[in-house]
Amino acid sequence: MTLGAVLPTLRAMEVQLTPDQKAFVRQAIESGRLHREEDAVREALALWEERERNRVELHLALDEAEADLEAGNYTDYTDETLPLLAEELKREARALRDEEQRS
């Protein structure tokens, strides 16, 4: 068995940038922020991948929240109980802040 039979054929991909995008990449290279055009593409793809992962996580959280609502797993707050919730959240936030400041 040859390596070519095991691995799919990898081909270079050509990407056409707009003149503004080309200028943006050139400016990043000239300033020393990037070394090559490929670095700009890699960084752009990494950011896109991160955004897509975040989008998937958000959709999963929304699906979970919908399921909780349908199952009745939620708390109704009234005008009387909402201030209590706000105070509880403030206490939790202060405790987290204090813990982080001690670390």
N, C-alpha and C. Protein backbone atom coordinates (compact mmCIF):
# COMPACT_ATOMS: atom_id res chain seq x y z
N MET A 1 0.85 -1.17 0.00
CA MET A 1 0.00 0.00 0.00
C MET A 1 0.90 1.24 0.00
N THR A 2 0.59 2.18 -0.84
CA THR A 2 1.39 3.39 -0.92
C THR A 2 0.77 4.47 -0.05
N LEU A 3 1.57 5.46 0.32
CA LEU A 3 1.08 6.56 1.13
C LEU A 3 -0.04 7.31 0.40
N GLY A 4 0.07 7.41 -0.90
CA GLY A 4 -0.96 8.09 -1.68
C GLY A 4 -2.31 7.42 -1.58
N ALA A 5 -2.33 6.10 -1.39
CA ALA A 5 -3.59 5.38 -1.26
C ALA A 5 -4.21 5.60 0.11
N VAL A 6 -3.39 5.93 1.12
CA VAL A 6 -3.90 6.11 2.47
C VAL A 6 -4.39 7.53 2.70
N LEU A 7 -3.61 8.51 2.25
CA LEU A 7 -3.95 9.91 2.47
C LEU A 7 -4.68 10.47 1.26
N PRO A 8 -5.70 11.27 1.49
CA PRO A 8 -6.36 11.91 0.35
C PRO A 8 -5.39 12.87 -0.33
N THR A 9 -5.60 13.11 -1.56
CA THR A 9 -4.75 14.02 -2.30
C THR A 9 -4.92 15.43 -1.76
N LEU A 10 -3.81 16.02 -1.36
CA LEU A 10 -3.83 17.40 -0.85
C LEU A 10 -3.44 18.33 -1.99
N ARG A 11 -4.29 19.28 -2.23
CA ARG A 11 -4.02 20.24 -3.28
C ARG A 11 -3.99 21.63 -2.68
N ALA A 12 -3.18 22.48 -3.27
CA ALA A 12 -3.14 23.87 -2.83
C ALA A 12 -4.47 24.52 -3.17
N MET A 13 -4.90 25.40 -2.32
CA MET A 13 -6.15 26.11 -2.56
C MET A 13 -5.82 27.57 -2.87
N GLU A 14 -6.38 28.06 -3.90
CA GLU A 14 -6.15 29.45 -4.28
C GLU A 14 -7.33 30.29 -3.82
N VAL A 15 -7.01 31.40 -3.16
CA VAL A 15 -8.05 32.29 -2.64
C VAL A 15 -7.86 33.66 -3.27
N GLN A 16 -8.92 34.20 -3.80
CA GLN A 16 -8.86 35.53 -4.41
C GLN A 16 -9.32 36.56 -3.39
N LEU A 17 -8.45 37.52 -3.09
CA LEU A 17 -8.78 38.59 -2.15
C LEU A 17 -9.16 39.85 -2.91
N THR A 18 -9.97 40.66 -2.27
CA THR A 18 -10.29 41.96 -2.85
C THR A 18 -9.06 42.85 -2.73
N PRO A 19 -8.99 43.92 -3.52
CA PRO A 19 -7.86 44.84 -3.38
C PRO A 19 -7.70 45.37 -1.95
N ASP A 20 -8.79 45.67 -1.26
CA ASP A 20 -8.71 46.15 0.12
C ASP A 20 -8.15 45.07 1.04
N GLN A 21 -8.56 43.83 0.84
CA GLN A 21 -8.04 42.74 1.66
C GLN A 21 -6.54 42.54 1.42
N LYS A 22 -6.14 42.62 0.16
CA LYS A 22 -4.71 42.49 -0.16
C LYS A 22 -3.90 43.60 0.52
N ALA A 23 -4.41 44.81 0.47
CA ALA A 23 -3.72 45.94 1.10
C ALA A 23 -3.65 45.74 2.61
N PHE A 24 -4.70 45.22 3.19
CA PHE A 24 -4.75 44.96 4.63
C PHE A 24 -3.68 43.94 5.03
N VAL A 25 -3.57 42.88 4.24
CA VAL A 25 -2.57 41.84 4.50
C VAL A 25 -1.17 42.41 4.32
N ARG A 26 -0.96 43.16 3.23
CA ARG A 26 0.36 43.75 2.99
C ARG A 26 0.77 44.67 4.14
N GLN A 27 -0.18 45.44 4.63
CA GLN A 27 0.10 46.36 5.74
C GLN A 27 0.52 45.57 6.99
N ALA A 28 -0.15 44.46 7.26
CA ALA A 28 0.20 43.64 8.41
C ALA A 28 1.59 43.04 8.27
N ILE A 29 1.96 42.67 7.05
CA ILE A 29 3.30 42.12 6.81
C ILE A 29 4.36 43.21 6.94
N GLU A 30 4.09 44.37 6.33
CA GLU A 30 5.05 45.47 6.39
C GLU A 30 5.27 45.96 7.82
N SER A 31 4.23 45.90 8.65
CA SER A 31 4.35 46.36 10.04
C SER A 31 5.03 45.32 10.92
N GLY A 32 5.21 44.10 10.39
CA GLY A 32 5.84 43.04 11.15
C GLY A 32 4.88 42.20 11.97
N ARG A 33 3.60 42.54 11.91
CA ARG A 33 2.61 41.75 12.66
C ARG A 33 2.49 40.34 12.09
N LEU A 34 2.57 40.23 10.78
CA LEU A 34 2.55 38.93 10.12
C LEU A 34 3.82 38.81 9.29
N HIS A 35 4.21 37.57 9.01
CA HIS A 35 5.42 37.36 8.21
C HIS A 35 5.11 37.04 6.76
N ARG A 36 3.98 36.33 6.53
CA ARG A 36 3.64 35.91 5.17
C ARG A 36 2.13 36.00 4.97
N GLU A 37 1.70 35.97 3.73
CA GLU A 37 0.28 36.01 3.41
C GLU A 37 -0.45 34.82 4.03
N GLU A 38 0.22 33.67 4.04
CA GLU A 38 -0.40 32.46 4.60
C GLU A 38 -0.75 32.64 6.07
N ASP A 39 0.06 33.45 6.78
CA ASP A 39 -0.23 33.71 8.20
C ASP A 39 -1.58 34.42 8.35
N ALA A 40 -1.88 35.31 7.43
CA ALA A 40 -3.16 36.03 7.49
C ALA A 40 -4.32 35.06 7.27
N VAL A 41 -4.15 34.15 6.32
CA VAL A 41 -5.21 33.17 6.05
C VAL A 41 -5.39 32.24 7.25
N ARG A 42 -4.28 31.79 7.83
CA ARG A 42 -4.37 30.90 9.00
C ARG A 42 -5.07 31.60 10.16
N GLU A 43 -4.71 32.86 10.40
CA GLU A 43 -5.34 33.60 11.49
C GLU A 43 -6.83 33.81 11.23
N ALA A 44 -7.17 34.14 10.00
CA ALA A 44 -8.58 34.34 9.65
C ALA A 44 -9.37 33.05 9.84
N LEU A 45 -8.80 31.93 9.42
CA LEU A 45 -9.48 30.64 9.58
C LEU A 45 -9.61 30.25 11.05
N ALA A 46 -8.59 30.54 11.84
CA ALA A 46 -8.66 30.24 13.27
C ALA A 46 -9.78 31.03 13.93
N LEU A 47 -9.90 32.30 13.57
CA LEU A 47 -10.98 33.12 14.13
C LEU A 47 -12.35 32.62 13.68
N TRP A 48 -12.45 32.22 12.42
CA TRP A 48 -13.70 31.68 11.90
C TRP A 48 -14.07 30.39 12.63
N GLU A 49 -13.08 29.52 12.82
CA GLU A 49 -13.33 28.27 13.55
C GLU A 49 -13.82 28.55 14.96
N GLU A 50 -13.18 29.51 15.63
CA GLU A 50 -13.59 29.86 17.00
C GLU A 50 -15.03 30.39 17.01
N ARG A 51 -15.35 31.24 16.04
CA ARG A 51 -16.71 31.79 15.96
C ARG A 51 -17.72 30.68 15.72
N GLU A 52 -17.39 29.74 14.86
CA GLU A 52 -18.30 28.63 14.59
C GLU A 52 -18.48 27.74 15.82
N ARG A 53 -17.40 27.48 16.57
CA ARG A 53 -17.52 26.70 17.81
C ARG A 53 -18.43 27.42 18.80
N ASN A 54 -18.25 28.73 18.93
CA ASN A 54 -19.10 29.51 19.82
C ASN A 54 -20.56 29.47 19.38
N ARG A 55 -20.77 29.51 18.08
CA ARG A 55 -22.14 29.47 17.55
C ARG A 55 -22.79 28.13 17.88
N VAL A 56 -22.04 27.04 17.71
CA VAL A 56 -22.57 25.71 18.02
C VAL A 56 -22.88 25.60 19.51
N GLU A 57 -21.97 26.11 20.36
CA GLU A 57 -22.20 26.07 21.81
C GLU A 57 -23.45 26.86 22.18
N LEU A 58 -23.64 28.00 21.54
CA LEU A 58 -24.83 28.81 21.81
C LEU A 58 -26.10 28.07 21.42
N HIS A 59 -26.08 27.43 20.25
CA HIS A 59 -27.25 26.67 19.80
C HIS A 59 -27.55 25.51 20.76
N LEU A 60 -26.51 24.85 21.24
CA LEU A 60 -26.71 23.76 22.20
C LEU A 60 -27.31 24.29 23.50
N ALA A 61 -26.81 25.44 23.96
CA ALA A 61 -27.36 26.03 25.19
C ALA A 61 -28.81 26.44 24.99
N LEU A 62 -29.14 26.97 23.82
CA LEU A 62 -30.54 27.34 23.54
C LEU A 62 -31.43 26.11 23.49
N ASP A 63 -30.93 25.04 22.87
CA ASP A 63 -31.70 23.79 22.83
C ASP A 63 -31.95 23.26 24.24
N GLU A 64 -30.93 23.33 25.08
CA GLU A 64 -31.06 22.87 26.46
C GLU A 64 -32.07 23.74 27.22
N ALA A 65 -32.00 25.05 27.00
CA ALA A 65 -32.94 25.95 27.67
C ALA A 65 -34.38 25.68 27.22
N GLU A 66 -34.56 25.46 25.93
CA GLU A 66 -35.90 25.14 25.42
C GLU A 66 -36.43 23.86 26.04
N ALA A 67 -35.57 22.85 26.16
CA ALA A 67 -35.97 21.58 26.76
C ALA A 67 -36.35 21.79 28.22
N ASP A 68 -35.58 22.60 28.94
CA ASP A 68 -35.92 22.91 30.34
C ASP A 68 -37.27 23.60 30.43
N LEU A 69 -37.51 24.55 29.55
CA LEU A 69 -38.81 25.24 29.56
C LEU A 69 -39.95 24.27 29.29
N GLU A 70 -39.79 23.42 28.29
CA GLU A 70 -40.84 22.46 27.95
C GLU A 70 -41.08 21.47 29.09
N ALA A 71 -40.02 21.14 29.84
CA ALA A 71 -40.15 20.20 30.96
C ALA A 71 -40.62 20.89 32.24
N GLY A 72 -40.76 22.20 32.19
CA GLY A 72 -41.21 22.94 33.37
C GLY A 72 -40.10 23.22 34.37
N ASN A 73 -38.86 23.09 33.94
CA ASN A 73 -37.71 23.33 34.83
C ASN A 73 -37.29 24.80 34.76
N TYR A 74 -38.06 25.66 35.41
CA TYR A 74 -37.73 27.08 35.45
C TYR A 74 -38.42 27.69 36.66
N THR A 75 -38.04 28.91 36.97
CA THR A 75 -38.63 29.63 38.09
C THR A 75 -39.28 30.89 37.56
N ASP A 76 -40.51 31.12 37.96
CA ASP A 76 -41.18 32.38 37.64
C ASP A 76 -40.82 33.41 38.69
N TYR A 77 -40.50 34.60 38.26
CA TYR A 77 -40.20 35.69 39.20
C TYR A 77 -41.28 36.74 39.09
N THR A 78 -41.63 37.29 40.23
CA THR A 78 -42.65 38.33 40.30
C THR A 78 -41.98 39.65 40.66
N ASP A 79 -42.77 40.70 40.70
CA ASP A 79 -42.24 42.00 41.10
C ASP A 79 -41.66 41.94 42.52
N GLU A 80 -42.23 41.05 43.34
CA GLU A 80 -41.76 40.93 44.72
C GLU A 80 -40.47 40.10 44.81
N THR A 81 -40.35 39.05 44.00
CA THR A 81 -39.19 38.16 44.12
C THR A 81 -38.01 38.57 43.26
N LEU A 82 -38.25 39.39 42.25
CA LEU A 82 -37.15 39.80 41.35
C LEU A 82 -36.06 40.58 42.09
N PRO A 83 -36.40 41.52 42.98
CA PRO A 83 -35.33 42.20 43.73
C PRO A 83 -34.51 41.23 44.58
N LEU A 84 -35.12 40.17 45.10
CA LEU A 84 -34.38 39.18 45.87
C LEU A 84 -33.37 38.46 44.97
N LEU A 85 -33.78 38.12 43.76
CA LEU A 85 -32.88 37.49 42.81
C LEU A 85 -31.72 38.42 42.49
N ALA A 86 -32.02 39.69 42.26
CA ALA A 86 -30.97 40.66 41.94
C ALA A 86 -29.95 40.75 43.07
N GLU A 87 -30.41 40.77 44.29
CA GLU A 87 -29.50 40.83 45.44
C GLU A 87 -28.65 39.56 45.53
N GLU A 88 -29.27 38.42 45.28
CA GLU A 88 -28.53 37.15 45.31
C GLU A 88 -27.43 37.14 44.25
N LEU A 89 -27.76 37.60 43.05
CA LEU A 89 -26.77 37.65 41.97
C LEU A 89 -25.64 38.62 42.30
N LYS A 90 -25.98 39.75 42.91
CA LYS A 90 -24.94 40.71 43.31
C LYS A 90 -24.00 40.09 44.34
N ARG A 91 -24.57 39.37 45.33
CA ARG A 91 -23.73 38.72 46.34
C ARG A 91 -22.79 37.70 45.70
N GLU A 92 -23.32 36.91 44.76
CA GLU A 92 -22.49 35.92 44.07
C GLU A 92 -21.38 36.59 43.27
N ALA A 93 -21.71 37.67 42.59
CA ALA A 93 -20.72 38.39 41.78
C ALA A 93 -19.64 38.99 42.67
N ARG A 94 -20.04 39.57 43.80
CA ARG A 94 -19.05 40.13 44.73
C ARG A 94 -18.14 39.04 45.27
N ALA A 95 -18.71 37.89 45.61
CA ALA A 95 -17.91 36.78 46.14
C ALA A 95 -16.90 36.31 45.10
N LEU A 96 -17.32 36.21 43.85
CA LEU A 96 -16.40 35.81 42.78
C LEU A 96 -15.29 36.85 42.60
N ARG A 97 -15.68 38.12 42.62
CA ARG A 97 -14.69 39.19 42.47
C ARG A 97 -13.67 39.14 43.61
N ASP A 98 -14.18 38.98 44.84
CA ASP A 98 -13.29 38.93 46.01
C ASP A 98 -12.35 37.74 45.91
N GLU A 99 -12.87 36.60 45.47
CA GLU A 99 -12.05 35.39 45.31
C GLU A 99 -10.95 35.59 44.28
N GLU A 100 -11.30 36.26 43.18
CA GLU A 100 -10.31 36.52 42.12
C GLU A 100 -9.25 37.49 42.61
N GLN A 101 -9.64 38.47 43.41
CA GLN A 101 -8.67 39.44 43.92
C GLN A 101 -7.70 38.80 44.90
N ARG A 102 -8.15 37.77 45.64
CA ARG A 102 -7.28 37.07 46.57
C ARG A 102 -6.29 36.15 45.86
N SER A 103 -6.64 35.74 44.64
CA SER A 103 -5.79 34.79 43.90
C SER A 103 -4.60 35.47 43.27
